[in-house]
């Protein structure tokens, strides 16, 4: 098994382990801070009326996918590496489609989507795999398709950092890394994958938090 396959297997197993606890404690999009809701709302508005589906990649238990489907009025398919997360998403939102898949090789045809949302999911990808992930996002998007990525980011003038976790969500055992890249590096990687970045927002840590947040909107020409 390759290093990438081994890492993805560890992430899959970790989220299978914490899926039920995660679904209980992670708030729905309606409980996000105003700026995060605004950026997600902007993406939903851009997707409104799209004829092709939108994918929520790394969908977890489906809360963001359901929010997007309701706000945008489009078909949304959720994709997650964890079978248990997909089971919970299907149970909670039977009106939507959810499938097991990796963002390194999406189970989607070329140019089949109007939009791709990756909400707090790409940070588990090692930086060396991000070009593959972003190329996959570009592959599945139709010309003019929209991409939104959101997640924790590093300092603007730093090299990025990596944090390994062995427990989460109440002390449950996990084994995965979280990578916090500078926003500018994320923009460069998106541009190298062929995207045109149209907006980015960096938020300082919320009260009681230590990590900055970054949201990036892009279009596939």
N, C-alpha and C. Protein backbone atom coordinates (compact mmCIF):
# COMPACT_ATOMS: atom_id res chain seq x y z
N UNK A 1 0.85 -1.19 0.00
CA UNK A 1 0.00 0.00 0.00
C UNK A 1 0.89 1.25 0.00
N UNK A 2 0.59 2.23 -0.87
CA UNK A 2 1.40 3.44 -0.94
C UNK A 2 1.19 4.29 0.30
N UNK A 3 2.11 5.27 0.49
CA UNK A 3 1.98 6.16 1.63
C UNK A 3 0.66 6.91 1.58
N UNK A 4 0.25 7.39 0.38
CA UNK A 4 -1.01 8.12 0.25
C UNK A 4 -2.19 7.21 0.61
N UNK A 5 -2.16 5.97 0.11
CA UNK A 5 -3.25 5.04 0.42
C UNK A 5 -3.31 4.73 1.90
N UNK A 6 -2.14 4.58 2.52
CA UNK A 6 -2.09 4.30 3.96
C UNK A 6 -2.65 5.48 4.75
N UNK A 7 -2.30 6.68 4.33
CA UNK A 7 -2.78 7.86 5.04
C UNK A 7 -4.30 8.00 4.90
N UNK A 8 -4.80 7.81 3.68
CA UNK A 8 -6.24 7.91 3.46
C UNK A 8 -6.99 6.84 4.26
N UNK A 9 -6.41 5.65 4.35
CA UNK A 9 -7.04 4.58 5.13
C UNK A 9 -7.11 4.97 6.60
N UNK A 10 -6.06 5.63 7.10
CA UNK A 10 -6.06 6.06 8.50
C UNK A 10 -7.12 7.14 8.74
N UNK A 11 -7.24 8.07 7.81
CA UNK A 11 -8.26 9.12 7.93
C UNK A 11 -9.66 8.49 7.88
N UNK A 12 -9.86 7.57 6.96
CA UNK A 12 -11.15 6.89 6.85
C UNK A 12 -11.51 6.17 8.15
N UNK A 13 -10.57 5.40 8.68
CA UNK A 13 -10.84 4.69 9.92
C UNK A 13 -11.09 5.63 11.08
N UNK A 14 -10.36 6.74 11.13
CA UNK A 14 -10.54 7.71 12.20
C UNK A 14 -11.94 8.30 12.18
N UNK A 15 -12.40 8.70 11.01
CA UNK A 15 -13.72 9.32 10.93
C UNK A 15 -14.85 8.31 11.05
N UNK A 16 -14.61 7.07 10.68
CA UNK A 16 -15.59 6.04 11.01
C UNK A 16 -15.76 5.93 12.52
N UNK A 17 -14.64 6.05 13.24
CA UNK A 17 -14.67 5.93 14.70
C UNK A 17 -15.42 7.09 15.36
N UNK A 18 -15.19 8.31 14.89
CA UNK A 18 -15.75 9.49 15.57
C UNK A 18 -17.05 9.99 14.93
N UNK A 19 -17.54 9.33 13.89
CA UNK A 19 -18.66 9.87 13.10
C UNK A 19 -19.87 10.22 13.96
N UNK A 20 -20.28 9.32 14.82
CA UNK A 20 -21.48 9.57 15.62
C UNK A 20 -21.29 10.74 16.57
N UNK A 21 -20.12 10.80 17.22
CA UNK A 21 -19.84 11.93 18.11
C UNK A 21 -19.73 13.23 17.32
N UNK A 22 -19.10 13.17 16.17
CA UNK A 22 -18.95 14.34 15.31
C UNK A 22 -20.32 14.90 14.92
N UNK A 23 -21.22 14.02 14.51
CA UNK A 23 -22.55 14.46 14.09
C UNK A 23 -23.31 15.13 15.23
N UNK A 24 -23.02 14.73 16.45
CA UNK A 24 -23.70 15.31 17.60
C UNK A 24 -23.18 16.70 17.94
N UNK A 25 -21.87 16.92 17.83
CA UNK A 25 -21.29 18.15 18.37
C UNK A 25 -21.04 19.23 17.32
N UNK A 26 -20.89 18.86 16.05
CA UNK A 26 -20.60 19.88 15.03
C UNK A 26 -21.88 20.64 14.69
N UNK A 27 -21.86 21.97 14.79
CA UNK A 27 -23.09 22.75 14.58
C UNK A 27 -23.49 22.80 13.12
N UNK A 28 -24.77 23.05 12.85
CA UNK A 28 -25.22 23.22 11.47
C UNK A 28 -24.77 24.57 10.93
N UNK A 29 -24.79 24.76 9.62
CA UNK A 29 -24.36 26.04 9.05
C UNK A 29 -25.12 27.25 9.60
N UNK A 30 -26.36 27.07 9.99
CA UNK A 30 -27.14 28.19 10.53
C UNK A 30 -26.55 28.73 11.82
N UNK A 31 -25.70 27.96 12.48
CA UNK A 31 -25.07 28.39 13.73
C UNK A 31 -23.67 28.96 13.53
N UNK A 32 -23.22 29.07 12.28
CA UNK A 32 -21.90 29.62 12.01
C UNK A 32 -21.86 31.12 12.31
N UNK A 33 -20.65 31.66 12.38
CA UNK A 33 -20.51 33.09 12.56
C UNK A 33 -21.00 33.82 11.31
N UNK A 34 -21.34 35.10 11.42
CA UNK A 34 -21.94 35.82 10.29
C UNK A 34 -21.10 35.82 9.01
N UNK A 35 -19.78 35.99 9.12
CA UNK A 35 -18.95 36.02 7.92
C UNK A 35 -18.92 34.66 7.22
N UNK A 36 -18.81 33.59 7.99
CA UNK A 36 -18.81 32.25 7.39
C UNK A 36 -20.15 31.96 6.72
N UNK A 37 -21.24 32.35 7.37
CA UNK A 37 -22.56 32.17 6.75
C UNK A 37 -22.68 32.99 5.47
N UNK A 38 -22.10 34.18 5.49
CA UNK A 38 -22.19 35.04 4.31
C UNK A 38 -21.44 34.43 3.13
N UNK A 39 -20.26 33.88 3.37
CA UNK A 39 -19.49 33.27 2.28
C UNK A 39 -20.19 32.02 1.76
N UNK A 40 -20.71 31.21 2.67
CA UNK A 40 -21.46 30.04 2.23
C UNK A 40 -22.72 30.45 1.49
N UNK A 41 -23.35 31.51 1.96
CA UNK A 41 -24.53 32.02 1.27
C UNK A 41 -24.21 32.56 -0.11
N UNK A 42 -23.04 33.20 -0.26
CA UNK A 42 -22.62 33.71 -1.57
C UNK A 42 -22.43 32.56 -2.55
N UNK A 43 -21.82 31.47 -2.07
CA UNK A 43 -21.65 30.30 -2.94
C UNK A 43 -23.01 29.71 -3.31
N UNK A 44 -23.91 29.61 -2.35
CA UNK A 44 -25.25 29.09 -2.63
C UNK A 44 -25.97 29.96 -3.66
N UNK A 45 -25.80 31.28 -3.54
CA UNK A 45 -26.44 32.18 -4.51
C UNK A 45 -25.86 31.99 -5.90
N UNK A 46 -24.54 31.80 -5.99
CA UNK A 46 -23.92 31.54 -7.29
C UNK A 46 -24.44 30.24 -7.90
N UNK A 47 -24.74 29.26 -7.06
CA UNK A 47 -25.22 27.96 -7.54
C UNK A 47 -26.70 27.94 -7.82
N UNK A 48 -27.43 28.96 -7.37
CA UNK A 48 -28.88 28.97 -7.52
C UNK A 48 -29.32 28.78 -8.96
N UNK A 49 -30.20 27.81 -9.15
CA UNK A 49 -30.74 27.55 -10.48
C UNK A 49 -29.84 26.76 -11.40
N UNK A 50 -28.70 26.28 -10.90
CA UNK A 50 -27.79 25.50 -11.75
C UNK A 50 -28.49 24.23 -12.25
N UNK A 51 -28.24 23.88 -13.49
CA UNK A 51 -28.85 22.70 -14.08
C UNK A 51 -28.11 21.42 -13.74
N UNK A 52 -26.81 21.54 -13.48
CA UNK A 52 -26.00 20.39 -13.12
C UNK A 52 -25.88 20.31 -11.60
N UNK A 53 -25.54 19.13 -11.06
CA UNK A 53 -25.44 18.98 -9.61
C UNK A 53 -24.25 19.73 -9.03
N UNK A 54 -24.28 19.86 -7.71
CA UNK A 54 -23.19 20.42 -6.93
C UNK A 54 -22.72 19.34 -5.96
N UNK A 55 -21.41 19.19 -5.80
CA UNK A 55 -20.87 18.18 -4.89
C UNK A 55 -20.34 18.83 -3.63
N UNK A 56 -20.70 18.26 -2.48
CA UNK A 56 -20.11 18.62 -1.21
C UNK A 56 -19.09 17.55 -0.88
N UNK A 57 -17.81 17.88 -1.06
CA UNK A 57 -16.73 16.89 -0.95
C UNK A 57 -16.17 16.92 0.47
N UNK A 58 -16.22 15.77 1.13
CA UNK A 58 -15.91 15.72 2.55
C UNK A 58 -17.12 16.16 3.34
N UNK A 59 -18.27 15.60 2.98
CA UNK A 59 -19.57 16.09 3.45
C UNK A 59 -19.88 15.73 4.89
N UNK A 60 -19.14 14.77 5.48
CA UNK A 60 -19.45 14.38 6.84
C UNK A 60 -20.89 13.90 6.97
N UNK A 61 -21.60 14.29 8.03
CA UNK A 61 -22.97 13.81 8.23
C UNK A 61 -24.02 14.55 7.42
N UNK A 62 -23.60 15.41 6.49
CA UNK A 62 -24.53 15.98 5.52
C UNK A 62 -25.19 17.29 5.89
N UNK A 63 -24.75 17.92 6.98
CA UNK A 63 -25.41 19.14 7.41
C UNK A 63 -25.22 20.29 6.41
N UNK A 64 -24.01 20.44 5.90
CA UNK A 64 -23.74 21.52 4.96
C UNK A 64 -24.38 21.22 3.61
N UNK A 65 -24.36 19.96 3.19
CA UNK A 65 -25.02 19.58 1.93
C UNK A 65 -26.50 19.91 1.96
N UNK A 66 -27.16 19.60 3.07
CA UNK A 66 -28.59 19.88 3.19
C UNK A 66 -28.86 21.38 3.18
N UNK A 67 -28.00 22.14 3.85
CA UNK A 67 -28.13 23.60 3.87
C UNK A 67 -27.99 24.16 2.46
N UNK A 68 -26.99 23.68 1.74
CA UNK A 68 -26.75 24.16 0.38
C UNK A 68 -27.91 23.81 -0.54
N UNK A 69 -28.42 22.59 -0.44
CA UNK A 69 -29.54 22.17 -1.29
C UNK A 69 -30.76 23.04 -1.05
N UNK A 70 -31.01 23.36 0.22
CA UNK A 70 -32.18 24.19 0.55
C UNK A 70 -31.99 25.62 0.09
N UNK A 71 -30.81 26.18 0.31
CA UNK A 71 -30.58 27.58 -0.03
C UNK A 71 -30.47 27.81 -1.52
N UNK A 72 -29.83 26.87 -2.24
CA UNK A 72 -29.58 27.07 -3.67
C UNK A 72 -30.66 26.47 -4.55
N UNK A 73 -31.42 25.51 -4.01
CA UNK A 73 -32.44 24.87 -4.82
C UNK A 73 -31.86 24.04 -5.95
N UNK A 74 -30.74 23.35 -5.67
CA UNK A 74 -30.09 22.53 -6.69
C UNK A 74 -29.90 21.12 -6.15
N UNK A 75 -29.59 20.20 -7.07
CA UNK A 75 -29.25 18.84 -6.67
C UNK A 75 -27.86 18.84 -6.06
N UNK A 76 -27.75 18.29 -4.87
CA UNK A 76 -26.46 18.21 -4.18
C UNK A 76 -26.14 16.75 -3.90
N UNK A 77 -24.92 16.35 -4.22
CA UNK A 77 -24.44 15.02 -3.87
C UNK A 77 -23.31 15.17 -2.86
N UNK A 78 -23.40 14.45 -1.76
CA UNK A 78 -22.36 14.47 -0.76
C UNK A 78 -21.39 13.32 -0.96
N UNK A 79 -20.11 13.59 -0.85
CA UNK A 79 -19.07 12.58 -1.03
C UNK A 79 -18.17 12.61 0.20
N UNK A 80 -17.95 11.45 0.80
CA UNK A 80 -17.09 11.40 1.97
C UNK A 80 -16.28 10.12 1.97
N UNK A 81 -15.08 10.21 2.52
CA UNK A 81 -14.18 9.07 2.59
C UNK A 81 -14.66 8.03 3.59
N UNK A 82 -15.43 8.47 4.59
CA UNK A 82 -15.87 7.60 5.69
C UNK A 82 -17.23 6.96 5.40
N UNK A 83 -17.30 5.64 5.29
CA UNK A 83 -18.61 4.99 5.09
C UNK A 83 -19.60 5.29 6.22
N UNK A 84 -19.10 5.40 7.44
CA UNK A 84 -20.01 5.68 8.55
C UNK A 84 -20.60 7.08 8.43
N UNK A 85 -19.80 8.05 8.02
CA UNK A 85 -20.33 9.39 7.80
C UNK A 85 -21.42 9.37 6.73
N UNK A 86 -21.19 8.63 5.67
CA UNK A 86 -22.19 8.54 4.59
C UNK A 86 -23.47 7.89 5.10
N UNK A 87 -23.35 6.87 5.92
CA UNK A 87 -24.53 6.23 6.50
C UNK A 87 -25.33 7.24 7.33
N UNK A 88 -24.66 8.01 8.16
CA UNK A 88 -25.35 9.00 8.98
C UNK A 88 -25.99 10.08 8.12
N UNK A 89 -25.29 10.52 7.07
CA UNK A 89 -25.84 11.55 6.19
C UNK A 89 -27.09 11.05 5.48
N UNK A 90 -27.05 9.82 5.00
CA UNK A 90 -28.23 9.25 4.33
C UNK A 90 -29.41 9.15 5.28
N UNK A 91 -29.12 8.78 6.52
CA UNK A 91 -30.18 8.64 7.52
C UNK A 91 -30.81 9.98 7.86
N UNK A 92 -29.97 11.01 8.00
CA UNK A 92 -30.46 12.33 8.39
C UNK A 92 -31.12 13.08 7.24
N UNK A 93 -30.66 12.81 6.00
CA UNK A 93 -31.14 13.57 4.85
C UNK A 93 -31.45 12.61 3.69
N UNK A 94 -32.49 11.81 3.82
CA UNK A 94 -32.78 10.80 2.80
C UNK A 94 -33.15 11.37 1.44
N UNK A 95 -33.45 12.66 1.39
CA UNK A 95 -33.82 13.29 0.13
C UNK A 95 -32.60 13.60 -0.73
N UNK A 96 -31.41 13.48 -0.18
CA UNK A 96 -30.18 13.80 -0.90
C UNK A 96 -29.38 12.54 -1.19
N UNK A 97 -28.46 12.64 -2.14
CA UNK A 97 -27.60 11.51 -2.50
C UNK A 97 -26.26 11.66 -1.80
N UNK A 98 -25.78 10.57 -1.21
CA UNK A 98 -24.48 10.54 -0.55
C UNK A 98 -23.75 9.28 -0.97
N UNK A 99 -22.47 9.43 -1.31
CA UNK A 99 -21.67 8.29 -1.75
C UNK A 99 -20.31 8.32 -1.07
N UNK A 100 -19.71 7.15 -0.96
CA UNK A 100 -18.36 7.03 -0.41
C UNK A 100 -17.36 7.28 -1.53
N UNK A 101 -16.38 8.13 -1.27
CA UNK A 101 -15.35 8.40 -2.28
C UNK A 101 -14.26 9.29 -1.72
N UNK A 102 -13.14 9.30 -2.40
CA UNK A 102 -12.00 10.11 -2.00
C UNK A 102 -11.87 11.32 -2.92
N UNK A 103 -11.49 12.46 -2.34
CA UNK A 103 -11.28 13.65 -3.15
C UNK A 103 -10.04 13.54 -4.04
N UNK A 104 -9.22 12.52 -3.83
CA UNK A 104 -8.09 12.30 -4.72
C UNK A 104 -8.49 11.58 -6.00
N UNK A 105 -9.69 10.99 -6.04
CA UNK A 105 -10.21 10.29 -7.22
C UNK A 105 -11.72 10.28 -7.11
N UNK A 106 -12.34 11.40 -7.42
CA UNK A 106 -13.78 11.55 -7.21
C UNK A 106 -14.59 10.63 -8.11
N UNK A 107 -15.65 10.01 -7.58
CA UNK A 107 -16.51 9.14 -8.38
C UNK A 107 -17.51 9.95 -9.20
N UNK A 108 -16.98 10.83 -10.05
CA UNK A 108 -17.79 11.78 -10.83
C UNK A 108 -17.19 11.87 -12.23
N UNK A 109 -18.05 11.97 -13.24
CA UNK A 109 -17.59 12.09 -14.62
C UNK A 109 -16.98 13.47 -14.86
N UNK A 110 -16.18 13.56 -15.91
CA UNK A 110 -15.58 14.83 -16.30
C UNK A 110 -16.66 15.87 -16.59
N UNK A 111 -16.42 17.10 -16.12
CA UNK A 111 -17.27 18.26 -16.43
C UNK A 111 -18.73 18.03 -16.10
N UNK A 112 -19.00 17.25 -15.04
CA UNK A 112 -20.38 16.88 -14.72
C UNK A 112 -21.04 17.79 -13.70
N UNK A 113 -20.27 18.67 -13.05
CA UNK A 113 -20.79 19.43 -11.92
C UNK A 113 -20.81 20.93 -12.20
N UNK A 114 -21.80 21.59 -11.60
CA UNK A 114 -21.84 23.06 -11.64
C UNK A 114 -21.02 23.67 -10.52
N UNK A 115 -20.82 22.91 -9.45
CA UNK A 115 -20.08 23.45 -8.33
C UNK A 115 -19.48 22.37 -7.46
N UNK A 116 -18.42 22.72 -6.78
CA UNK A 116 -17.78 21.85 -5.80
C UNK A 116 -17.56 22.66 -4.53
N UNK A 117 -18.00 22.09 -3.42
CA UNK A 117 -17.79 22.68 -2.11
C UNK A 117 -16.92 21.75 -1.29
N UNK A 118 -15.84 22.26 -0.73
CA UNK A 118 -14.99 21.49 0.18
C UNK A 118 -14.90 22.29 1.47
N UNK A 119 -15.77 21.95 2.42
CA UNK A 119 -15.93 22.75 3.63
C UNK A 119 -15.23 22.07 4.80
N UNK A 120 -14.08 22.61 5.20
CA UNK A 120 -13.29 22.06 6.30
C UNK A 120 -12.97 20.58 6.08
N UNK A 121 -12.51 20.27 4.87
CA UNK A 121 -12.18 18.88 4.55
C UNK A 121 -10.80 18.74 3.90
N UNK A 122 -10.35 19.72 3.14
CA UNK A 122 -9.06 19.57 2.45
C UNK A 122 -7.86 19.70 3.38
N UNK A 123 -8.06 20.18 4.60
CA UNK A 123 -6.91 20.37 5.49
C UNK A 123 -6.30 19.04 5.94
N UNK A 124 -7.02 17.94 5.75
CA UNK A 124 -6.44 16.64 6.08
C UNK A 124 -5.52 16.11 4.98
N UNK A 125 -5.54 16.75 3.83
CA UNK A 125 -4.68 16.30 2.73
C UNK A 125 -3.26 16.83 2.92
N UNK A 126 -2.24 15.97 2.87
CA UNK A 126 -0.86 16.47 2.90
C UNK A 126 -0.65 17.45 1.74
N UNK A 127 0.16 18.49 1.93
CA UNK A 127 0.35 19.48 0.88
C UNK A 127 0.76 18.89 -0.46
N UNK A 128 1.53 17.80 -0.45
CA UNK A 128 1.96 17.21 -1.71
C UNK A 128 0.80 16.56 -2.48
N UNK A 129 -0.33 16.30 -1.80
CA UNK A 129 -1.49 15.72 -2.48
C UNK A 129 -2.48 16.79 -2.96
N UNK A 130 -2.32 18.02 -2.51
CA UNK A 130 -3.28 19.05 -2.89
C UNK A 130 -3.33 19.31 -4.40
N UNK A 131 -2.20 19.29 -5.13
CA UNK A 131 -2.33 19.44 -6.59
C UNK A 131 -3.22 18.36 -7.21
N UNK A 132 -3.14 17.14 -6.71
CA UNK A 132 -4.02 16.07 -7.21
C UNK A 132 -5.47 16.37 -6.88
N UNK A 133 -5.72 16.82 -5.65
CA UNK A 133 -7.08 17.13 -5.21
C UNK A 133 -7.66 18.28 -6.03
N UNK A 134 -6.90 19.36 -6.18
CA UNK A 134 -7.40 20.51 -6.92
C UNK A 134 -7.60 20.17 -8.40
N UNK A 135 -6.74 19.31 -8.95
CA UNK A 135 -6.92 18.87 -10.33
C UNK A 135 -8.21 18.07 -10.47
N UNK A 136 -8.54 17.27 -9.47
CA UNK A 136 -9.80 16.53 -9.48
C UNK A 136 -10.99 17.49 -9.44
N UNK A 137 -10.91 18.51 -8.61
CA UNK A 137 -11.99 19.50 -8.57
C UNK A 137 -12.17 20.14 -9.95
N UNK A 138 -11.06 20.47 -10.57
CA UNK A 138 -11.14 21.10 -11.91
C UNK A 138 -11.70 20.12 -12.93
N UNK A 139 -11.31 18.84 -12.84
CA UNK A 139 -11.77 17.82 -13.80
C UNK A 139 -13.28 17.67 -13.78
N UNK A 140 -13.88 17.65 -12.60
CA UNK A 140 -15.30 17.34 -12.51
C UNK A 140 -16.19 18.55 -12.73
N UNK A 141 -15.60 19.76 -12.75
CA UNK A 141 -16.39 20.96 -12.96
C UNK A 141 -16.58 21.26 -14.44
N UNK A 142 -17.79 21.62 -14.80
CA UNK A 142 -18.06 22.10 -16.15
C UNK A 142 -17.42 23.47 -16.33
N UNK A 143 -17.16 23.89 -17.58
CA UNK A 143 -16.64 25.24 -17.79
C UNK A 143 -17.54 26.28 -17.12
N UNK A 144 -16.92 27.17 -16.39
CA UNK A 144 -17.67 28.16 -15.64
C UNK A 144 -18.13 27.68 -14.28
N UNK A 145 -17.81 26.43 -13.94
CA UNK A 145 -18.20 25.88 -12.65
C UNK A 145 -17.50 26.58 -11.50
N UNK A 146 -18.15 26.56 -10.34
CA UNK A 146 -17.66 27.29 -9.18
C UNK A 146 -17.11 26.35 -8.11
N UNK A 147 -16.08 26.82 -7.44
CA UNK A 147 -15.45 26.08 -6.36
C UNK A 147 -15.42 26.96 -5.11
N UNK A 148 -15.73 26.34 -3.96
CA UNK A 148 -15.53 27.00 -2.69
C UNK A 148 -14.78 26.07 -1.77
N UNK A 149 -13.70 26.56 -1.20
CA UNK A 149 -12.91 25.83 -0.21
C UNK A 149 -12.87 26.67 1.06
N UNK A 150 -13.10 26.04 2.20
CA UNK A 150 -13.01 26.74 3.48
C UNK A 150 -12.32 25.83 4.48
N UNK A 151 -11.57 26.45 5.40
CA UNK A 151 -10.90 25.66 6.42
C UNK A 151 -9.90 26.49 7.19
N UNK A 152 -9.21 25.84 8.11
CA UNK A 152 -8.18 26.51 8.88
C UNK A 152 -6.96 26.81 8.00
N UNK A 153 -6.32 27.92 8.25
CA UNK A 153 -5.13 28.31 7.49
C UNK A 153 -4.03 28.74 8.44
N UNK A 154 -2.80 28.78 7.90
CA UNK A 154 -1.66 29.23 8.67
C UNK A 154 -1.43 30.72 8.54
N UNK A 155 -0.30 31.16 9.04
CA UNK A 155 0.04 32.58 8.98
C UNK A 155 0.47 32.95 7.56
N UNK A 156 0.23 34.21 7.20
CA UNK A 156 0.53 34.66 5.84
C UNK A 156 2.01 34.53 5.50
N UNK A 157 2.87 34.81 6.46
CA UNK A 157 4.31 34.81 6.19
C UNK A 157 5.00 33.54 6.69
N UNK A 158 4.23 32.50 6.97
CA UNK A 158 4.82 31.27 7.47
C UNK A 158 4.95 30.21 6.39
N UNK A 159 5.50 29.09 6.77
CA UNK A 159 5.66 27.96 5.86
C UNK A 159 4.51 26.97 5.96
N UNK A 160 3.61 27.22 6.89
CA UNK A 160 2.56 26.26 7.18
C UNK A 160 2.98 25.36 8.32
N UNK A 161 2.03 24.67 8.88
CA UNK A 161 2.33 23.76 9.97
C UNK A 161 1.42 22.53 9.89
N UNK A 162 1.84 21.50 10.60
CA UNK A 162 1.12 20.24 10.61
C UNK A 162 0.89 19.82 12.05
N UNK A 163 -0.31 19.38 12.35
CA UNK A 163 -0.64 18.89 13.68
C UNK A 163 -1.17 17.48 13.57
N UNK A 164 -0.55 16.55 14.29
CA UNK A 164 -1.02 15.16 14.31
C UNK A 164 -1.91 14.95 15.52
N UNK A 165 -3.03 14.27 15.29
CA UNK A 165 -3.96 14.00 16.39
C UNK A 165 -4.10 12.50 16.60
N UNK A 166 -4.17 12.13 17.86
CA UNK A 166 -4.36 10.73 18.23
C UNK A 166 -5.68 10.51 18.96
N UNK A 167 -6.36 11.59 19.32
CA UNK A 167 -7.69 11.47 19.90
C UNK A 167 -8.49 12.73 19.58
N UNK A 168 -9.82 12.56 19.55
CA UNK A 168 -10.69 13.68 19.20
C UNK A 168 -12.12 13.36 19.63
N UNK A 169 -12.93 14.41 19.73
CA UNK A 169 -14.36 14.26 20.00
C UNK A 169 -14.61 13.37 21.22
N UNK A 170 -14.11 13.86 22.36
CA UNK A 170 -14.34 13.14 23.59
C UNK A 170 -13.34 12.05 23.89
N UNK A 171 -12.14 12.15 23.32
CA UNK A 171 -11.11 11.17 23.61
C UNK A 171 -11.14 9.93 22.76
N UNK A 172 -11.90 9.93 21.67
CA UNK A 172 -11.94 8.77 20.78
C UNK A 172 -10.62 8.67 20.01
N UNK A 173 -10.16 7.44 19.74
CA UNK A 173 -8.85 7.29 19.07
C UNK A 173 -8.92 7.63 17.59
N UNK A 174 -7.99 8.46 17.12
CA UNK A 174 -7.87 8.81 15.72
C UNK A 174 -6.40 8.82 15.34
N UNK A 175 -6.14 8.91 14.05
CA UNK A 175 -4.77 9.06 13.57
C UNK A 175 -4.81 9.80 12.25
N UNK A 176 -4.66 11.12 12.33
CA UNK A 176 -4.63 11.93 11.12
C UNK A 176 -3.88 13.23 11.38
N UNK A 177 -3.48 13.86 10.30
CA UNK A 177 -2.80 15.15 10.36
C UNK A 177 -3.74 16.25 9.90
N UNK A 178 -3.56 17.43 10.44
CA UNK A 178 -4.22 18.63 9.93
C UNK A 178 -3.12 19.58 9.48
N UNK A 179 -3.25 20.06 8.26
CA UNK A 179 -2.24 20.93 7.65
C UNK A 179 -2.79 22.34 7.53
N UNK A 180 -2.05 23.30 8.03
CA UNK A 180 -2.48 24.69 8.03
C UNK A 180 -1.54 25.49 7.12
N UNK A 181 -1.97 25.70 5.87
CA UNK A 181 -1.14 26.37 4.88
C UNK A 181 -1.43 27.87 4.84
N UNK A 182 -0.44 28.67 4.48
CA UNK A 182 -0.68 30.10 4.28
C UNK A 182 -1.72 30.32 3.17
N UNK A 183 -2.61 31.29 3.33
CA UNK A 183 -3.62 31.53 2.29
C UNK A 183 -3.02 31.74 0.90
N UNK A 184 -1.90 32.45 0.83
CA UNK A 184 -1.30 32.69 -0.47
C UNK A 184 -0.85 31.41 -1.16
N UNK A 185 -0.40 30.44 -0.40
CA UNK A 185 0.01 29.17 -1.00
C UNK A 185 -1.20 28.42 -1.56
N UNK A 186 -2.32 28.48 -0.84
CA UNK A 186 -3.54 27.84 -1.33
C UNK A 186 -3.97 28.49 -2.65
N UNK A 187 -3.91 29.81 -2.71
CA UNK A 187 -4.27 30.51 -3.95
C UNK A 187 -3.36 30.08 -5.09
N UNK A 188 -2.06 30.00 -4.84
CA UNK A 188 -1.13 29.60 -5.90
C UNK A 188 -1.42 28.18 -6.39
N UNK A 189 -1.71 27.28 -5.49
CA UNK A 189 -2.01 25.91 -5.89
C UNK A 189 -3.30 25.84 -6.71
N UNK A 190 -4.28 26.63 -6.34
CA UNK A 190 -5.52 26.67 -7.12
C UNK A 190 -5.26 27.23 -8.52
N UNK A 191 -4.46 28.28 -8.60
CA UNK A 191 -4.15 28.86 -9.91
C UNK A 191 -3.34 27.89 -10.76
N UNK A 192 -2.42 27.16 -10.14
CA UNK A 192 -1.64 26.18 -10.88
C UNK A 192 -2.52 25.04 -11.40
N UNK A 193 -3.64 24.77 -10.72
CA UNK A 193 -4.59 23.75 -11.17
C UNK A 193 -5.52 24.27 -12.27
N UNK A 194 -5.41 25.57 -12.60
CA UNK A 194 -6.20 26.14 -13.67
C UNK A 194 -7.38 26.97 -13.23
N UNK A 195 -7.55 27.17 -11.92
CA UNK A 195 -8.66 27.98 -11.43
C UNK A 195 -8.34 29.46 -11.46
N UNK A 196 -9.37 30.27 -11.55
CA UNK A 196 -9.27 31.71 -11.37
C UNK A 196 -9.90 32.02 -10.01
N UNK A 197 -9.09 32.46 -9.08
CA UNK A 197 -9.58 32.78 -7.74
C UNK A 197 -10.30 34.12 -7.78
N UNK A 198 -11.55 34.14 -7.36
CA UNK A 198 -12.37 35.36 -7.45
C UNK A 198 -12.52 36.07 -6.11
N UNK A 199 -12.31 35.36 -5.02
CA UNK A 199 -12.43 35.99 -3.70
C UNK A 199 -11.75 35.12 -2.66
N UNK A 200 -11.23 35.77 -1.65
CA UNK A 200 -10.72 35.04 -0.49
C UNK A 200 -10.94 35.89 0.75
N UNK A 201 -11.26 35.22 1.84
CA UNK A 201 -11.51 35.89 3.11
C UNK A 201 -10.71 35.17 4.19
N UNK A 202 -9.93 35.91 4.93
CA UNK A 202 -9.19 35.35 6.06
C UNK A 202 -9.75 35.95 7.34
N UNK A 203 -10.14 35.09 8.27
CA UNK A 203 -10.70 35.52 9.53
C UNK A 203 -9.74 35.17 10.68
N UNK A 204 -9.57 36.11 11.57
CA UNK A 204 -8.75 35.85 12.75
C UNK A 204 -9.48 34.90 13.68
N UNK A 205 -8.75 34.26 14.60
CA UNK A 205 -9.40 33.26 15.47
C UNK A 205 -10.58 33.85 16.24
N UNK A 206 -11.64 33.06 16.30
CA UNK A 206 -12.80 33.45 17.10
C UNK A 206 -12.45 33.34 18.58
N UNK A 207 -13.22 33.99 19.46
CA UNK A 207 -12.96 33.87 20.90
C UNK A 207 -12.89 32.41 21.34
N UNK A 208 -11.84 32.08 22.05
CA UNK A 208 -11.66 30.72 22.52
C UNK A 208 -11.01 29.79 21.51
N UNK A 209 -10.71 30.30 20.30
CA UNK A 209 -10.07 29.51 19.26
C UNK A 209 -8.64 30.00 19.04
N UNK A 210 -7.84 29.15 18.40
CA UNK A 210 -6.45 29.51 18.13
C UNK A 210 -6.11 29.55 16.65
N UNK A 211 -7.00 29.08 15.80
CA UNK A 211 -6.69 28.97 14.38
C UNK A 211 -7.42 30.01 13.55
N UNK A 212 -6.74 30.52 12.52
CA UNK A 212 -7.36 31.40 11.54
C UNK A 212 -8.18 30.58 10.56
N UNK A 213 -9.16 31.22 9.96
CA UNK A 213 -10.01 30.57 8.98
C UNK A 213 -9.80 31.22 7.62
N UNK A 214 -9.88 30.42 6.58
CA UNK A 214 -9.79 30.96 5.23
C UNK A 214 -10.89 30.41 4.34
N UNK A 215 -11.46 31.26 3.53
CA UNK A 215 -12.48 30.85 2.57
C UNK A 215 -12.04 31.36 1.19
N UNK A 216 -12.13 30.49 0.19
CA UNK A 216 -11.66 30.80 -1.16
C UNK A 216 -12.75 30.45 -2.17
N UNK A 217 -13.07 31.39 -3.03
CA UNK A 217 -14.01 31.17 -4.12
C UNK A 217 -13.23 31.24 -5.44
N UNK A 218 -13.53 30.31 -6.33
CA UNK A 218 -12.81 30.24 -7.60
C UNK A 218 -13.74 29.75 -8.69
N UNK A 219 -13.35 30.00 -9.94
CA UNK A 219 -14.13 29.56 -11.08
C UNK A 219 -13.22 28.75 -12.01
N UNK A 220 -13.79 27.73 -12.63
CA UNK A 220 -13.08 26.95 -13.63
C UNK A 220 -13.37 27.52 -15.00
N UNK A 221 -12.38 28.10 -15.68
CA UNK A 221 -12.65 28.82 -16.94
C UNK A 221 -13.25 27.91 -18.00
